[in-house]
Amino acid sequence: MDIYNSLQILISGIICGLIIFQTAFVAPTVFKDLAEDNRAPFLRAIFPKLFKALIILGLLVLIFSFLKTSDSLIGYVVGGVTLISGAICNSIIPATNQARDEKNDKKFSVLHTISVSLTIGTLLVNLLWIFI
């Protein structure tokens, strides 16, 4: 296993850790321990940071895919899915926030479902390293 492959696996572990931490610790804490009027500002501050981190980490996985000597496509898939999913999720944040502010529950639900689905997909794709 070369250094680039090891770095890709490490980065995927970081990505999985970020997503699991956000899901298992941050979100439940926000909804359990923060006053309702403090939730939205906090969530609107933290989620862009998560998605930007995913974009950067996905880009790093792609860069290491170009640098490694094997012909394996898994790094390209993992990096590409992570980068694109992070970019889509980040780009729909303003529309999601606007839908919430305007109490447009249907639009909010659709956008939130897209974001959650892409994030879960990113988690699953980054777990692929375990099975190869």
Protein backbone atom coordinates (compact mmCIF):
# COMPACT_ATOMS: atom_id res chain seq x y z
CA MET A 1 0.00 0.00 0.00
CA ASP A 2 1.53 3.32 -1.00
CA ILE A 3 1.48 6.54 1.00
CA TYR A 4 -1.21 8.13 -1.19
CA ASN A 5 -3.57 5.21 -0.66
CA SER A 6 -2.97 5.41 3.09
CA LEU A 7 -3.69 9.14 3.05
CA GLN A 8 -6.89 8.59 1.09
CA ILE A 9 -8.09 6.05 3.62
CA LEU A 10 -7.19 8.37 6.49
CA ILE A 11 -9.09 11.25 4.88
CA SER A 12 -12.12 9.02 4.31
CA GLY A 13 -11.97 8.12 8.00
CA ILE A 14 -11.96 11.81 8.87
CA ILE A 15 -14.94 12.36 6.56
CA CYS A 16 -16.85 9.50 8.19
CA GLY A 17 -15.94 10.84 11.63
CA LEU A 18 -17.19 14.32 10.77
CA ILE A 19 -20.49 13.03 9.44
CA ILE A 20 -21.05 10.63 12.34
CA PHE A 21 -20.08 13.27 14.92
CA GLN A 22 -22.48 15.76 13.34
CA THR A 23 -25.29 13.21 13.28
CA ALA A 24 -24.73 11.46 16.60
CA PHE A 25 -23.61 14.33 18.81
CA VAL A 26 -24.13 17.80 17.36
CA ALA A 27 -27.69 17.50 16.01
CA PRO A 28 -29.17 15.74 19.06
CA THR A 29 -27.45 18.22 21.39
CA VAL A 30 -28.76 21.18 19.42
CA PHE A 31 -32.35 19.96 19.56
CA LYS A 32 -32.17 18.81 23.16
CA ASP A 33 -30.09 21.48 24.90
CA LEU A 34 -30.35 24.70 22.90
CA ALA A 35 -33.25 27.08 23.19
CA GLU A 36 -35.36 27.17 20.04
CA ASP A 37 -34.31 30.72 19.16
CA ASN A 38 -30.62 29.67 19.30
CA ARG A 39 -30.95 26.57 17.12
CA ALA A 40 -31.26 28.17 13.71
CA PRO A 41 -28.26 30.51 14.09
CA PHE A 42 -26.10 27.65 15.33
CA LEU A 43 -27.17 25.23 12.59
CA ARG A 44 -26.74 27.93 9.95
CA ALA A 45 -23.19 28.45 11.18
CA ILE A 46 -22.15 24.80 11.49
CA PHE A 47 -23.54 23.15 8.36
CA PRO A 48 -21.70 25.35 5.83
CA LYS A 49 -18.48 24.49 7.67
CA LEU A 50 -19.24 20.78 7.45
CA PHE A 51 -20.00 20.92 3.75
CA LYS A 52 -16.94 23.06 2.98
CA ALA A 53 -14.79 20.58 4.91
CA LEU A 54 -16.27 17.76 2.80
CA ILE A 55 -15.46 19.67 -0.38
CA ILE A 56 -11.83 20.19 0.68
CA LEU A 57 -11.39 16.61 1.88
CA GLY A 58 -12.99 15.22 -1.29
CA LEU A 59 -10.61 17.33 -3.35
CA LEU A 60 -7.65 15.95 -1.38
CA VAL A 61 -8.79 12.38 -2.04
CA LEU A 62 -9.00 13.22 -5.76
CA ILE A 63 -5.53 14.80 -5.76
CA PHE A 64 -4.06 11.71 -4.11
CA SER A 65 -5.84 9.56 -6.72
CA PHE A 66 -3.99 11.43 -9.45
CA LEU A 67 -0.68 11.04 -7.62
CA LYS A 68 -0.87 7.34 -6.84
CA THR A 69 0.55 4.74 -9.15
CA SER A 70 -2.29 2.20 -9.22
CA ASP A 71 -5.10 2.16 -11.75
CA SER A 72 -7.81 1.80 -9.10
CA LEU A 73 -10.89 3.94 -9.65
CA ILE A 74 -12.09 3.82 -6.05
CA GLY A 75 -10.20 6.96 -5.03
CA TYR A 76 -11.70 8.89 -7.92
CA VAL A 77 -15.20 7.69 -7.03
CA VAL A 78 -14.84 8.42 -3.31
CA GLY A 79 -13.22 11.82 -3.88
CA GLY A 80 -15.63 12.82 -6.64
CA VAL A 81 -18.76 11.81 -4.75
CA THR A 82 -17.54 13.57 -1.60
CA LEU A 83 -16.61 16.77 -3.43
CA ILE A 84 -19.78 16.94 -5.55
CA SER A 85 -22.12 16.01 -2.70
CA GLY A 86 -20.50 18.57 -0.42
CA ALA A 87 -20.79 21.23 -3.12
CA ILE A 88 -24.46 20.46 -3.79
CA CYS A 89 -25.32 20.45 -0.08
CA ASN A 90 -23.47 23.72 0.44
CA SER A 91 -25.12 25.33 -2.57
CA ILE A 92 -28.68 24.52 -1.42
CA ILE A 93 -28.19 25.96 2.07
CA PRO A 94 -29.55 29.43 1.15
CA ALA A 95 -32.68 27.96 -0.43
CA THR A 96 -33.15 25.60 2.53
CA ASN A 97 -32.83 28.47 4.99
CA GLN A 98 -35.21 30.63 2.95
CA ALA A 99 -37.79 27.83 2.82
CA ARG A 100 -37.56 27.45 6.61
CA ASP A 101 -37.84 31.23 7.15
CA GLU A 102 -40.88 31.44 4.88
CA LYS A 103 -42.41 28.39 6.60
CA ASN A 104 -42.54 26.60 3.25
CA ASP A 105 -42.45 23.15 4.83
CA LYS A 106 -42.76 21.23 1.57
CA LYS A 107 -39.78 22.95 -0.07
CA PHE A 108 -37.76 22.73 3.15
CA SER A 109 -38.51 19.02 3.42
CA VAL A 110 -37.40 18.34 -0.16
CA LEU A 111 -34.16 20.33 0.21
CA HIS A 112 -33.41 18.85 3.63
CA THR A 113 -34.02 15.34 2.29
CA ILE A 114 -31.62 16.01 -0.59
CA SER A 115 -28.98 17.24 1.83
CA VAL A 116 -29.42 14.32 4.23
CA SER A 117 -29.45 11.76 1.39
CA LEU A 118 -26.27 13.15 -0.14
CA THR A 119 -24.56 13.22 3.24
CA ILE A 120 -25.53 9.60 3.95
CA GLY A 121 -24.36 8.65 0.46
CA THR A 122 -21.06 10.38 1.15
CA LEU A 123 -20.68 8.46 4.40
CA LEU A 124 -21.40 5.14 2.68
CA VAL A 125 -19.06 5.81 -0.24
CA ASN A 126 -16.27 6.74 2.16
CA LEU A 127 -16.81 3.46 4.00
CA LEU A 128 -16.04 1.59 0.72
CA TRP A 129 -12.35 1.42 1.63
CA ILE A 130 -13.25 -1.18 4.27
CA PHE A 131 -14.57 -3.57 1.63
CA ILE A 132 -11.76 -3.38 -0.90
